[in-house]
Amino acid sequence: MAEYVYTIGHSTHSTKKLVELLAAHVVTAVADVRSEPYSRINPQFNQESLRADLKAANIAYVFLGRELGARTENRSCYVDGKVQYEILSRTALFREGLARIVQDIGGHRIAVMCAEKDPLMCHRAILVCRHLAALGITAKHILEDGRLESHDDALARLLAELGIAEGDLFRSRDELIAEAYSRRGQQIAYSENQPSPKEGVAGVDR
């Protein structure tokens, strides 16, 4: 069984470019973790169009936004109008979504897809991949230029971005990473009190 997934952000790519990126890494299935699989700015990634384009490229499609989306309908996951990733990660529905990926990973090379081009500005890395890792499933992030970034390298980049020194004598690396996940989660988590940003660029996650 494969012990890793890929991730990708559709950003402002054409569907042709997205398919080329997926095909370059022999991805056979896309798990769409957008809360709403539609885009006013990039309508080429509306669910029906995307599903058809992926099917033409022999890539399967499944929508897991209800289970693994960042803009949950579960009101218990909100504090002052903002989604709390720690609470969301403990919900039964979220755990079901993770289990679905783990279940299907043996038969497919799966790419977890959302909108943001940078995995560090997206819940696919900060929330979903964090908890897949706890289940023994690591991630490889497909960047917009086609290069792969391991999740470990992405975490090192996150620590640097947040100014968290890895050489802290009083905290383990796991503790530093937990802080980084928490801080970035608060930065990107969906807030009902903040207008949505343009899709595929840094901002509040979906």
C-alpha atoms as a PDB file:
ATOM      1  CA  MET A   1       0.000   0.000   0.000  1.00  0.00           C
ATOM      2  CA  ALA A   2       1.231   3.512  -0.802  1.00  0.00           C
ATOM      3  CA  GLU A   3       2.040   5.466   2.331  1.00  0.00           C
ATOM      4  CA  TYR A   4       1.749   8.929   0.831  1.00  0.00           C
ATOM      5  CA  VAL A   5      -0.629  11.260  -0.948  1.00  0.00           C
ATOM      6  CA  TYR A   6       0.013  14.180  -3.233  1.00  0.00           C
ATOM      7  CA  THR A   7      -1.589  17.578  -2.817  1.00  0.00           C
ATOM      8  CA  ILE A   8      -2.236  20.304  -5.367  1.00  0.00           C
ATOM      9  CA  GLY A   9      -3.873  23.711  -5.565  1.00  0.00           C
ATOM     10  CA  HIS A  10      -5.757  24.498  -8.758  1.00  0.00           C
ATOM     11  CA  SER A  11      -4.833  28.191  -8.378  1.00  0.00           C
ATOM     12  CA  THR A  12      -5.539  30.089 -11.612  1.00  0.00           C
ATOM     13  CA  HIS A  13      -4.298  27.297 -13.877  1.00  0.00           C
ATOM     14  CA  SER A  14      -6.157  26.124 -16.922  1.00  0.00           C
ATOM     15  CA  THR A  15      -7.598  22.630 -16.575  1.00  0.00           C
ATOM     16  CA  LYS A  16      -5.069  21.539 -19.193  1.00  0.00           C
ATOM     17  CA  LYS A  17      -2.241  22.735 -16.945  1.00  0.00           C
ATOM     18  CA  LEU A  18      -3.757  21.073 -13.880  1.00  0.00           C
ATOM     19  CA  VAL A  19      -4.078  17.759 -15.729  1.00  0.00           C
ATOM     20  CA  GLU A  20      -0.476  18.057 -16.950  1.00  0.00           C
ATOM     21  CA  LEU A  21       0.753  18.585 -13.377  1.00  0.00           C
ATOM     22  CA  LEU A  22      -1.221  15.580 -12.145  1.00  0.00           C
ATOM     23  CA  ALA A  23      -0.141  13.369 -15.052  1.00  0.00           C
ATOM     24  CA  ALA A  24       3.520  14.286 -14.519  1.00  0.00           C
ATOM     25  CA  HIS A  25       3.294  12.573 -11.138  1.00  0.00           C
ATOM     26  CA  VAL A  26       1.076   9.717 -12.350  1.00  0.00           C
ATOM     27  CA  VAL A  27      -1.841  10.784 -10.153  1.00  0.00           C
ATOM     28  CA  THR A  28      -4.876   8.578 -10.798  1.00  0.00           C
ATOM     29  CA  ALA A  29      -7.471  10.169  -8.495  1.00  0.00           C
ATOM     30  CA  VAL A  30      -8.287  13.637  -7.161  1.00  0.00           C
ATOM     31  CA  ALA A  31      -9.907  14.163  -3.751  1.00  0.00           C
ATOM     32  CA  ASP A  32     -11.491  17.616  -3.860  1.00  0.00           C
ATOM     33  CA  VAL A  33     -11.454  19.103  -0.339  1.00  0.00           C
ATOM     34  CA  ARG A  34     -12.900  22.505  -1.200  1.00  0.00           C
ATOM     35  CA  SER A  35     -15.926  23.208   0.963  1.00  0.00           C
ATOM     36  CA  GLU A  36     -17.799  24.318  -2.139  1.00  0.00           C
ATOM     37  CA  PRO A  37     -16.608  22.788  -5.434  1.00  0.00           C
ATOM     38  CA  TYR A  38     -17.390  25.873  -7.500  1.00  0.00           C
ATOM     39  CA  SER A  39     -15.452  28.962  -8.506  1.00  0.00           C
ATOM     40  CA  ARG A  40     -16.787  32.261  -9.778  1.00  0.00           C
ATOM     41  CA  ILE A  41     -13.279  33.461 -10.618  1.00  0.00           C
ATOM     42  CA  ASN A  42     -12.041  30.159 -12.117  1.00  0.00           C
ATOM     43  CA  PRO A  43     -15.195  28.470 -13.474  1.00  0.00           C
ATOM     44  CA  GLN A  44     -13.083  25.848 -15.235  1.00  0.00           C
ATOM     45  CA  PHE A  45     -12.833  24.251 -11.790  1.00  0.00           C
ATOM     46  CA  ASN A  46     -16.562  24.014 -11.157  1.00  0.00           C
ATOM     47  CA  GLN A  47     -17.281  20.454 -10.126  1.00  0.00           C
ATOM     48  CA  GLU A  48     -19.060  19.264 -13.269  1.00  0.00           C
ATOM     49  CA  SER A  49     -16.461  20.718 -15.646  1.00  0.00           C
ATOM     50  CA  LEU A  50     -13.562  19.490 -13.555  1.00  0.00           C
ATOM     51  CA  ARG A  51     -14.984  15.999 -13.195  1.00  0.00           C
ATOM     52  CA  ALA A  52     -15.429  15.736 -16.978  1.00  0.00           C
ATOM     53  CA  ASP A  53     -11.937  17.024 -17.766  1.00  0.00           C
ATOM     54  CA  LEU A  54     -10.352  14.656 -15.275  1.00  0.00           C
ATOM     55  CA  LYS A  55     -12.372  11.723 -16.598  1.00  0.00           C
ATOM     56  CA  ALA A  56     -11.120  12.489 -20.114  1.00  0.00           C
ATOM     57  CA  ALA A  57      -7.598  12.183 -18.723  1.00  0.00           C
ATOM     58  CA  ASN A  58      -8.440   8.897 -16.958  1.00  0.00           C
ATOM     59  CA  ILE A  59      -8.225  10.527 -13.531  1.00  0.00           C
ATOM     60  CA  ALA A  60     -10.955   9.675 -11.020  1.00  0.00           C
ATOM     61  CA  TYR A  61     -12.669  12.407  -8.985  1.00  0.00           C
ATOM     62  CA  VAL A  62     -14.285  12.350  -5.553  1.00  0.00           C
ATOM     63  CA  PHE A  63     -15.711  15.257  -3.581  1.00  0.00           C
ATOM     64  CA  LEU A  64     -14.689  15.230   0.089  1.00  0.00           C
ATOM     65  CA  GLY A  65     -15.415  18.849   0.881  1.00  0.00           C
ATOM     66  CA  ARG A  66     -18.235  17.969   3.246  1.00  0.00           C
ATOM     67  CA  GLU A  67     -15.889  15.821   5.316  1.00  0.00           C
ATOM     68  CA  LEU A  68     -12.564  17.616   4.880  1.00  0.00           C
ATOM     69  CA  GLY A  69     -13.465  21.154   3.819  1.00  0.00           C
ATOM     70  CA  ALA A  70     -12.200  24.146   5.789  1.00  0.00           C
ATOM     71  CA  ARG A  71     -15.553  25.914   5.921  1.00  0.00           C
ATOM     72  CA  THR A  72     -17.472  23.408   8.002  1.00  0.00           C
ATOM     73  CA  GLU A  73     -21.194  23.595   8.701  1.00  0.00           C
ATOM     74  CA  ASN A  74     -20.614  22.219  12.205  1.00  0.00           C
ATOM     75  CA  ARG A  75     -21.252  25.197  14.467  1.00  0.00           C
ATOM     76  CA  SER A  76     -19.324  23.625  17.354  1.00  0.00           C
ATOM     77  CA  CYS A  77     -16.126  24.219  15.361  1.00  0.00           C
ATOM     78  CA  TYR A  78     -16.503  28.016  15.436  1.00  0.00           C
ATOM     79  CA  VAL A  79     -15.220  30.413  18.095  1.00  0.00           C
ATOM     80  CA  ASP A  80     -16.132  34.075  17.573  1.00  0.00           C
ATOM     81  CA  GLY A  81     -17.084  33.264  13.998  1.00  0.00           C
ATOM     82  CA  LYS A  82     -13.780  31.576  13.074  1.00  0.00           C
ATOM     83  CA  VAL A  83     -13.241  27.875  12.395  1.00  0.00           C
ATOM     84  CA  GLN A  84     -10.910  26.222  14.907  1.00  0.00           C
ATOM     85  CA  TYR A  85      -8.893  23.500  13.189  1.00  0.00           C
ATOM     86  CA  GLU A  86      -8.194  21.644  16.428  1.00  0.00           C
ATOM     87  CA  ILE A  87     -11.907  21.255  17.114  1.00  0.00           C
ATOM     88  CA  LEU A  88     -12.692  20.415  13.496  1.00  0.00           C
ATOM     89  CA  SER A  89     -10.027  17.699  13.425  1.00  0.00           C
ATOM     90  CA  ARG A  90     -11.789  15.856  16.242  1.00  0.00           C
ATOM     91  CA  THR A  91     -15.209  15.692  14.596  1.00  0.00           C
ATOM     92  CA  ALA A  92     -16.564  12.348  13.419  1.00  0.00           C
ATOM     93  CA  LEU A  93     -17.143  13.673   9.893  1.00  0.00           C
ATOM     94  CA  PHE A  94     -13.542  14.820   9.522  1.00  0.00           C
ATOM     95  CA  ARG A  95     -12.262  11.477  10.771  1.00  0.00           C
ATOM     96  CA  GLU A  96     -14.527   9.745   8.235  1.00  0.00           C
ATOM     97  CA  GLY A  97     -12.944  11.811   5.468  1.00  0.00           C
ATOM     98  CA  LEU A  98      -9.448  10.817   6.552  1.00  0.00           C
ATOM     99  CA  ALA A  99     -10.508   7.182   6.704  1.00  0.00           C
ATOM    100  CA  ARG A 100     -11.857   7.418   3.166  1.00  0.00           C
ATOM    101  CA  ILE A 101      -8.482   8.558   1.860  1.00  0.00           C
ATOM    102  CA  VAL A 102      -6.635   5.874   3.824  1.00  0.00           C
ATOM    103  CA  GLN A 103      -9.067   3.257   2.517  1.00  0.00           C
ATOM    104  CA  ASP A 104      -8.639   4.246  -1.138  1.00  0.00           C
ATOM    105  CA  ILE A 105      -4.912   4.942  -1.124  1.00  0.00           C
ATOM    106  CA  GLY A 106      -4.041   1.338  -1.896  1.00  0.00           C
ATOM    107  CA  GLY A 107      -5.799   1.467  -5.264  1.00  0.00           C
ATOM    108  CA  HIS A 108      -4.944   4.999  -6.396  1.00  0.00           C
ATOM    109  CA  ARG A 109      -2.252   7.637  -6.436  1.00  0.00           C
ATOM    110  CA  ILE A 110      -4.358  10.329  -4.798  1.00  0.00           C
ATOM    111  CA  ALA A 111      -3.934  14.094  -4.976  1.00  0.00           C
ATOM    112  CA  VAL A 112      -5.780  16.109  -2.343  1.00  0.00           C
ATOM    113  CA  MET A 113      -6.911  19.245  -4.176  1.00  0.00           C
ATOM    114  CA  CYS A 114      -7.960  22.684  -2.979  1.00  0.00           C
ATOM    115  CA  ALA A 115      -7.704  26.185  -4.484  1.00  0.00           C
ATOM    116  CA  GLU A 116      -4.609  27.827  -2.975  1.00  0.00           C
ATOM    117  CA  LYS A 117      -1.372  27.453  -4.905  1.00  0.00           C
ATOM    118  CA  ASP A 118       0.878  27.379  -1.822  1.00  0.00           C
ATOM    119  CA  PRO A 119       0.182  24.372   0.411  1.00  0.00           C
ATOM    120  CA  LEU A 120       1.263  26.379   3.461  1.00  0.00           C
ATOM    121  CA  MET A 121      -1.617  28.795   2.869  1.00  0.00           C
ATOM    122  CA  CYS A 122      -4.144  25.995   2.588  1.00  0.00           C
ATOM    123  CA  HIS A 123      -5.887  23.665   4.995  1.00  0.00           C
ATOM    124  CA  ARG A 124      -4.931  20.711   2.787  1.00  0.00           C
ATOM    125  CA  ALA A 125      -1.452  20.933   4.342  1.00  0.00           C
ATOM    126  CA  ILE A 126      -2.122  22.649   7.662  1.00  0.00           C
ATOM    127  CA  LEU A 127      -5.137  20.527   8.620  1.00  0.00           C
ATOM    128  CA  VAL A 128      -5.659  17.485   6.375  1.00  0.00           C
ATOM    129  CA  CYS A 129      -2.033  16.428   5.861  1.00  0.00           C
ATOM    130  CA  ARG A 130      -1.236  17.020   9.514  1.00  0.00           C
ATOM    131  CA  HIS A 131      -3.770  14.421  10.553  1.00  0.00           C
ATOM    132  CA  LEU A 132      -3.029  12.038   7.698  1.00  0.00           C
ATOM    133  CA  ALA A 133       0.570  12.050   8.951  1.00  0.00           C
ATOM    134  CA  ALA A 134      -0.691  10.925  12.343  1.00  0.00           C
ATOM    135  CA  LEU A 135      -2.156   7.914  10.525  1.00  0.00           C
ATOM    136  CA  GLY A 136       1.151   7.144   8.831  1.00  0.00           C
ATOM    137  CA  ILE A 137       0.340   8.826   5.510  1.00  0.00           C
ATOM    138  CA  THR A 138       2.855  11.463   4.422  1.00  0.00           C
ATOM    139  CA  ALA A 139       2.335  14.084   1.734  1.00  0.00           C
ATOM    140  CA  LYS A 140       4.142  15.311  -1.347  1.00  0.00           C
ATOM    141  CA  HIS A 141       3.007  18.743  -2.485  1.00  0.00           C
ATOM    142  CA  ILE A 142       2.853  19.436  -6.230  1.00  0.00           C
ATOM    143  CA  LEU A 143       3.907  23.062  -6.626  1.00  0.00           C
ATOM    144  CA  GLU A 144       2.717  25.342  -9.416  1.00  0.00           C
ATOM    145  CA  ASP A 145       5.915  24.798 -11.423  1.00  0.00           C
ATOM    146  CA  GLY A 146       5.576  21.017 -11.161  1.00  0.00           C
ATOM    147  CA  ARG A 147       8.253  20.475  -8.521  1.00  0.00           C
ATOM    148  CA  LEU A 148       7.510  18.276  -5.524  1.00  0.00           C
ATOM    149  CA  GLU A 149       7.940  19.524  -1.968  1.00  0.00           C
ATOM    150  CA  SER A 150       7.920  16.946   0.797  1.00  0.00           C
ATOM    151  CA  HIS A 151       5.715  17.714   3.769  1.00  0.00           C
ATOM    152  CA  ASP A 152       8.809  17.772   6.000  1.00  0.00           C
ATOM    153  CA  ASP A 153      10.386  20.409   3.751  1.00  0.00           C
ATOM    154  CA  ALA A 154       7.127  22.361   3.765  1.00  0.00           C
ATOM    155  CA  LEU A 155       7.113  22.309   7.563  1.00  0.00           C
ATOM    156  CA  ALA A 156      10.702  23.571   7.660  1.00  0.00           C
ATOM    157  CA  ARG A 157       9.618  26.404   5.365  1.00  0.00           C
ATOM    158  CA  LEU A 158       6.660  27.130   7.654  1.00  0.00           C
ATOM    159  CA  LEU A 159       8.893  27.351  10.726  1.00  0.00           C
ATOM    160  CA  ALA A 160      11.144  29.784   8.875  1.00  0.00           C
ATOM    161  CA  GLU A 161       8.212  31.888   7.673  1.00  0.00           C
ATOM    162  CA  LEU A 162       6.871  32.169  11.216  1.00  0.00           C
ATOM    163  CA  GLY A 163      10.277  32.879  12.723  1.00  0.00           C
ATOM    164  CA  ILE A 164      10.206  29.786  14.929  1.00  0.00           C
ATOM    165  CA  ALA A 165      13.771  28.672  15.603  1.00  0.00           C
ATOM    166  CA  GLU A 166      14.312  24.935  15.244  1.00  0.00           C
ATOM    167  CA  GLY A 167      17.199  25.009  17.711  1.00  0.00           C
ATOM    168  CA  ASP A 168      15.062  25.848  20.756  1.00  0.00           C
ATOM    169  CA  LEU A 169      16.718  24.097  23.701  1.00  0.00           C
ATOM    170  CA  PHE A 170      13.552  23.915  25.760  1.00  0.00           C
ATOM    171  CA  ARG A 171      11.079  22.541  23.236  1.00  0.00           C
ATOM    172  CA  SER A 172      11.133  19.517  20.959  1.00  0.00           C
ATOM    173  CA  ARG A 173      10.711  19.831  17.206  1.00  0.00           C
ATOM    174  CA  ASP A 174       7.248  18.279  17.553  1.00  0.00           C
ATOM    175  CA  GLU A 175       6.286  21.065  19.948  1.00  0.00           C
ATOM    176  CA  LEU A 176       7.628  23.712  17.575  1.00  0.00           C
ATOM    177  CA  ILE A 177       5.720  22.195  14.664  1.00  0.00           C
ATOM    178  CA  ALA A 178       2.534  22.061  16.740  1.00  0.00           C
ATOM    179  CA  GLU A 179       2.921  25.787  17.421  1.00  0.00           C
ATOM    180  CA  ALA A 180       3.491  26.450  13.720  1.00  0.00           C
ATOM    181  CA  TYR A 181       0.392  24.488  12.725  1.00  0.00           C
ATOM    182  CA  SER A 182      -1.655  26.378  15.317  1.00  0.00           C
ATOM    183  CA  ARG A 183      -0.426  29.824  14.304  1.00  0.00           C
ATOM    184  CA  ARG A 184      -0.827  29.258  10.570  1.00  0.00           C
ATOM    185  CA  GLY A 185      -4.245  27.676  11.161  1.00  0.00           C
ATOM    186  CA  GLN A 186      -5.393  30.837  12.933  1.00  0.00           C
ATOM    187  CA  GLN A 187      -4.057  32.921  10.052  1.00  0.00           C
ATOM    188  CA  ILE A 188      -5.855  31.065   7.279  1.00  0.00           C
ATOM    189  CA  ALA A 189      -8.949  29.554   8.924  1.00  0.00           C
ATOM    190  CA  TYR A 190     -12.307  30.594   7.515  1.00  0.00           C
ATOM    191  CA  SER A 191     -13.899  33.502   9.371  1.00  0.00           C
ATOM    192  CA  GLU A 192     -17.483  34.568   8.939  1.00  0.00           C
ATOM    193  CA  ASN A 193     -16.418  38.141   9.741  1.00  0.00           C
ATOM    194  CA  GLN A 194     -13.837  38.459   6.975  1.00  0.00           C
ATOM    195  CA  PRO A 195     -14.564  38.793   3.248  1.00  0.00           C
ATOM    196  CA  SER A 196     -13.389  35.925   1.069  1.00  0.00           C
ATOM    197  CA  PRO A 197     -10.133  36.550  -0.846  1.00  0.00           C
ATOM    198  CA  LYS A 198      -9.525  35.818  -4.497  1.00  0.00           C
ATOM    199  CA  GLU A 199      -9.216  32.097  -5.092  1.00  0.00           C
ATOM    200  CA  GLY A 200      -5.812  30.561  -5.635  1.00  0.00           C
ATOM    201  CA  VAL A 201      -3.937  33.277  -3.755  1.00  0.00           C
ATOM    202  CA  ALA A 202      -2.960  33.686  -0.129  1.00  0.00           C
ATOM    203  CA  GLY A 203      -5.852  34.411   2.178  1.00  0.00           C
ATOM    204  CA  VAL A 204      -8.594  32.913   4.279  1.00  0.00           C
ATOM    205  CA  ASP A 205      -8.875  29.229   3.465  1.00  0.00           C
ATOM    206  CA  ARG A 206     -11.987  27.423   2.359  1.00  0.00           C
END
